[in-house]
Amino acid sequence: MDYLLLTQQDDIAIIKFTRKRIDAALAVKFRDDIQTLIQQGHKKIIFNMEQIEFIDSSGLGALVSVMKNLGGNQQMALCHVKDAVLTVFKLTRMDKIFVIVASEADALARLGTV
């Protein structure tokens, strides 16, 4: 997972992207890698989107798949979402599906720890 940095706080995995795009070239690998983490016992995940400048429909689909595998949006949060990426979430109404917050601290509070 050379495109992700994984840290953990209590029972929450915090995943920070090191690439600028979540697109068709990365989406399947991303989905499969996160599925492996879920199978290893990570049941709450924060995605720090600070580096992400672009997401396409494949990237959105991968995030939806992860959310479903976690059992819903109460187990997952996105933070530090840039305006251009947030616009994609809003245009597709995915901002109504995902928990999107300003910071990692907000995401930790939302998922049950500070």
C-alpha atoms as a PDB file:
ATOM      1  CA  MET A   1       0.000   0.000   0.000  1.00  0.00           C
ATOM      2  CA  ASP A   2       2.574   2.510  -1.172  1.00  0.00           C
ATOM      3  CA  TYR A   3      -0.139   5.103  -1.788  1.00  0.00           C
ATOM      4  CA  LEU A   4      -1.492   5.069   1.792  1.00  0.00           C
ATOM      5  CA  LEU A   5      -0.169   5.799   5.259  1.00  0.00           C
ATOM      6  CA  LEU A   6      -1.957   3.909   8.022  1.00  0.00           C
ATOM      7  CA  THR A   7      -2.014   4.986  11.655  1.00  0.00           C
ATOM      8  CA  GLN A   8      -4.399   4.051  14.409  1.00  0.00           C
ATOM      9  CA  GLN A   9      -5.990   5.776  17.377  1.00  0.00           C
ATOM     10  CA  ASP A  10      -7.814   3.448  19.725  1.00  0.00           C
ATOM     11  CA  ASP A  11     -10.029   1.297  17.492  1.00  0.00           C
ATOM     12  CA  ILE A  12     -10.021   3.724  14.547  1.00  0.00           C
ATOM     13  CA  ALA A  13      -7.750   3.340  11.520  1.00  0.00           C
ATOM     14  CA  ILE A  14      -6.624   6.653  10.036  1.00  0.00           C
ATOM     15  CA  ILE A  15      -5.655   6.411   6.388  1.00  0.00           C
ATOM     16  CA  LYS A  16      -3.822   9.238   4.669  1.00  0.00           C
ATOM     17  CA  PHE A  17      -3.337   9.190   0.919  1.00  0.00           C
ATOM     18  CA  THR A  18       0.097   9.954  -0.510  1.00  0.00           C
ATOM     19  CA  ARG A  19      -1.183  10.343  -4.081  1.00  0.00           C
ATOM     20  CA  LYS A  20      -3.242  13.173  -5.509  1.00  0.00           C
ATOM     21  CA  ARG A  21      -5.869  11.115  -7.364  1.00  0.00           C
ATOM     22  CA  ILE A  22      -8.386   8.367  -6.663  1.00  0.00           C
ATOM     23  CA  ASP A  23      -9.350   7.280 -10.146  1.00  0.00           C
ATOM     24  CA  ALA A  24      -9.877   4.171 -12.264  1.00  0.00           C
ATOM     25  CA  ALA A  25      -6.150   3.412 -12.190  1.00  0.00           C
ATOM     26  CA  LEU A  26      -6.189   3.113  -8.386  1.00  0.00           C
ATOM     27  CA  ALA A  27      -9.792   2.352  -7.408  1.00  0.00           C
ATOM     28  CA  VAL A  28      -9.767  -1.465  -7.565  1.00  0.00           C
ATOM     29  CA  LYS A  29      -6.457  -1.774  -5.700  1.00  0.00           C
ATOM     30  CA  PHE A  30      -7.655   0.756  -3.129  1.00  0.00           C
ATOM     31  CA  ARG A  31     -10.941  -1.095  -2.559  1.00  0.00           C
ATOM     32  CA  ASP A  32      -9.162  -4.449  -2.236  1.00  0.00           C
ATOM     33  CA  ASP A  33      -6.482  -3.090   0.113  1.00  0.00           C
ATOM     34  CA  ILE A  34      -9.079  -1.510   2.399  1.00  0.00           C
ATOM     35  CA  GLN A  35     -11.138  -4.717   2.322  1.00  0.00           C
ATOM     36  CA  THR A  36      -8.031  -6.531   3.590  1.00  0.00           C
ATOM     37  CA  LEU A  37      -7.736  -4.019   6.454  1.00  0.00           C
ATOM     38  CA  ILE A  38     -11.402  -4.570   7.330  1.00  0.00           C
ATOM     39  CA  GLN A  39     -10.846  -8.334   7.357  1.00  0.00           C
ATOM     40  CA  GLN A  40      -7.881  -7.768   9.692  1.00  0.00           C
ATOM     41  CA  GLY A  41     -10.252  -6.173  12.191  1.00  0.00           C
ATOM     42  CA  HIS A  42     -10.337  -2.461  11.358  1.00  0.00           C
ATOM     43  CA  LYS A  43     -14.029  -1.613  11.762  1.00  0.00           C
ATOM     44  CA  LYS A  44     -13.855   2.202  11.870  1.00  0.00           C
ATOM     45  CA  ILE A  45     -11.891   4.146   9.281  1.00  0.00           C
ATOM     46  CA  ILE A  46     -11.051   7.805   8.746  1.00  0.00           C
ATOM     47  CA  PHE A  47      -9.837   8.790   5.294  1.00  0.00           C
ATOM     48  CA  ASN A  48      -7.678  11.911   5.426  1.00  0.00           C
ATOM     49  CA  MET A  49      -8.199  13.366   1.941  1.00  0.00           C
ATOM     50  CA  GLU A  50      -5.720  16.229   2.383  1.00  0.00           C
ATOM     51  CA  GLN A  51      -3.562  15.174  -0.595  1.00  0.00           C
ATOM     52  CA  ILE A  52      -6.439  14.242  -2.904  1.00  0.00           C
ATOM     53  CA  GLU A  53      -7.007  16.788  -5.673  1.00  0.00           C
ATOM     54  CA  PHE A  54      -9.145  14.609  -7.977  1.00  0.00           C
ATOM     55  CA  ILE A  55     -11.643  11.780  -7.621  1.00  0.00           C
ATOM     56  CA  ASP A  56     -13.634  10.160 -10.420  1.00  0.00           C
ATOM     57  CA  SER A  57     -16.641   7.840 -10.443  1.00  0.00           C
ATOM     58  CA  SER A  58     -14.405   4.800  -9.912  1.00  0.00           C
ATOM     59  CA  GLY A  59     -12.946   6.409  -6.808  1.00  0.00           C
ATOM     60  CA  LEU A  60     -16.410   7.274  -5.519  1.00  0.00           C
ATOM     61  CA  GLY A  61     -17.518   3.705  -6.179  1.00  0.00           C
ATOM     62  CA  ALA A  62     -14.553   2.355  -4.226  1.00  0.00           C
ATOM     63  CA  LEU A  63     -15.452   4.564  -1.244  1.00  0.00           C
ATOM     64  CA  VAL A  64     -19.081   3.407  -1.408  1.00  0.00           C
ATOM     65  CA  SER A  65     -17.888  -0.206  -1.452  1.00  0.00           C
ATOM     66  CA  VAL A  66     -15.706   0.394   1.614  1.00  0.00           C
ATOM     67  CA  MET A  67     -18.613   2.039   3.440  1.00  0.00           C
ATOM     68  CA  LYS A  68     -20.880  -0.916   2.669  1.00  0.00           C
ATOM     69  CA  ASN A  69     -18.222  -3.375   3.849  1.00  0.00           C
ATOM     70  CA  LEU A  70     -17.938  -1.428   7.103  1.00  0.00           C
ATOM     71  CA  GLY A  71     -21.677  -1.596   7.634  1.00  0.00           C
ATOM     72  CA  GLY A  72     -22.625   2.006   6.906  1.00  0.00           C
ATOM     73  CA  ASN A  73     -21.504   5.590   7.208  1.00  0.00           C
ATOM     74  CA  GLN A  74     -21.358   5.570  11.006  1.00  0.00           C
ATOM     75  CA  GLN A  75     -18.115   3.571  10.762  1.00  0.00           C
ATOM     76  CA  MET A  76     -16.329   5.814   8.257  1.00  0.00           C
ATOM     77  CA  ALA A  77     -15.514   9.502   7.897  1.00  0.00           C
ATOM     78  CA  LEU A  78     -13.703  11.673   5.370  1.00  0.00           C
ATOM     79  CA  CYS A  79     -11.722  14.713   6.462  1.00  0.00           C
ATOM     80  CA  HIS A  80      -9.619  17.496   4.930  1.00  0.00           C
ATOM     81  CA  VAL A  81     -11.595  17.245   1.672  1.00  0.00           C
ATOM     82  CA  LYS A  82     -10.440  19.925  -0.783  1.00  0.00           C
ATOM     83  CA  ASP A  83     -13.022  22.160  -2.434  1.00  0.00           C
ATOM     84  CA  ALA A  84     -12.635  20.614  -5.908  1.00  0.00           C
ATOM     85  CA  VAL A  85     -13.174  17.114  -4.502  1.00  0.00           C
ATOM     86  CA  LEU A  86     -16.026  18.290  -2.283  1.00  0.00           C
ATOM     87  CA  THR A  87     -17.701  19.705  -5.396  1.00  0.00           C
ATOM     88  CA  VAL A  88     -17.673  16.205  -6.927  1.00  0.00           C
ATOM     89  CA  PHE A  89     -19.253  14.799  -3.758  1.00  0.00           C
ATOM     90  CA  LYS A  90     -21.945  17.496  -3.876  1.00  0.00           C
ATOM     91  CA  LEU A  91     -22.678  17.116  -7.606  1.00  0.00           C
ATOM     92  CA  THR A  92     -23.174  13.380  -7.140  1.00  0.00           C
ATOM     93  CA  ARG A  93     -25.014  13.888  -3.832  1.00  0.00           C
ATOM     94  CA  MET A  94     -22.430  11.688  -2.123  1.00  0.00           C
ATOM     95  CA  ASP A  95     -22.061  14.436   0.470  1.00  0.00           C
ATOM     96  CA  LYS A  96     -25.414  13.151   1.778  1.00  0.00           C
ATOM     97  CA  ILE A  97     -24.073   9.582   1.996  1.00  0.00           C
ATOM     98  CA  PHE A  98     -20.636  10.093   3.543  1.00  0.00           C
ATOM     99  CA  VAL A  99     -19.681  11.714   6.826  1.00  0.00           C
ATOM    100  CA  ILE A 100     -17.476  14.608   5.699  1.00  0.00           C
ATOM    101  CA  VAL A 101     -15.837  16.738   8.385  1.00  0.00           C
ATOM    102  CA  ALA A 102     -13.147  19.404   8.490  1.00  0.00           C
ATOM    103  CA  SER A 103     -10.390  17.707  10.494  1.00  0.00           C
ATOM    104  CA  GLU A 104      -9.104  14.419  11.859  1.00  0.00           C
ATOM    105  CA  ALA A 105     -10.122  15.575  15.338  1.00  0.00           C
ATOM    106  CA  ASP A 106     -13.690  16.117  14.113  1.00  0.00           C
ATOM    107  CA  ALA A 107     -13.659  12.690  12.464  1.00  0.00           C
ATOM    108  CA  LEU A 108     -12.374  11.030  15.640  1.00  0.00           C
ATOM    109  CA  ALA A 109     -15.104  12.736  17.657  1.00  0.00           C
ATOM    110  CA  ARG A 110     -17.723  11.652  15.129  1.00  0.00           C
ATOM    111  CA  LEU A 111     -16.582   8.020  15.228  1.00  0.00           C
ATOM    112  CA  GLY A 112     -16.513   7.902  18.986  1.00  0.00           C
ATOM    113  CA  THR A 113     -13.152   8.952  20.385  1.00  0.00           C
ATOM    114  CA  VAL A 114     -11.206  12.162  20.960  1.00  0.00           C
END
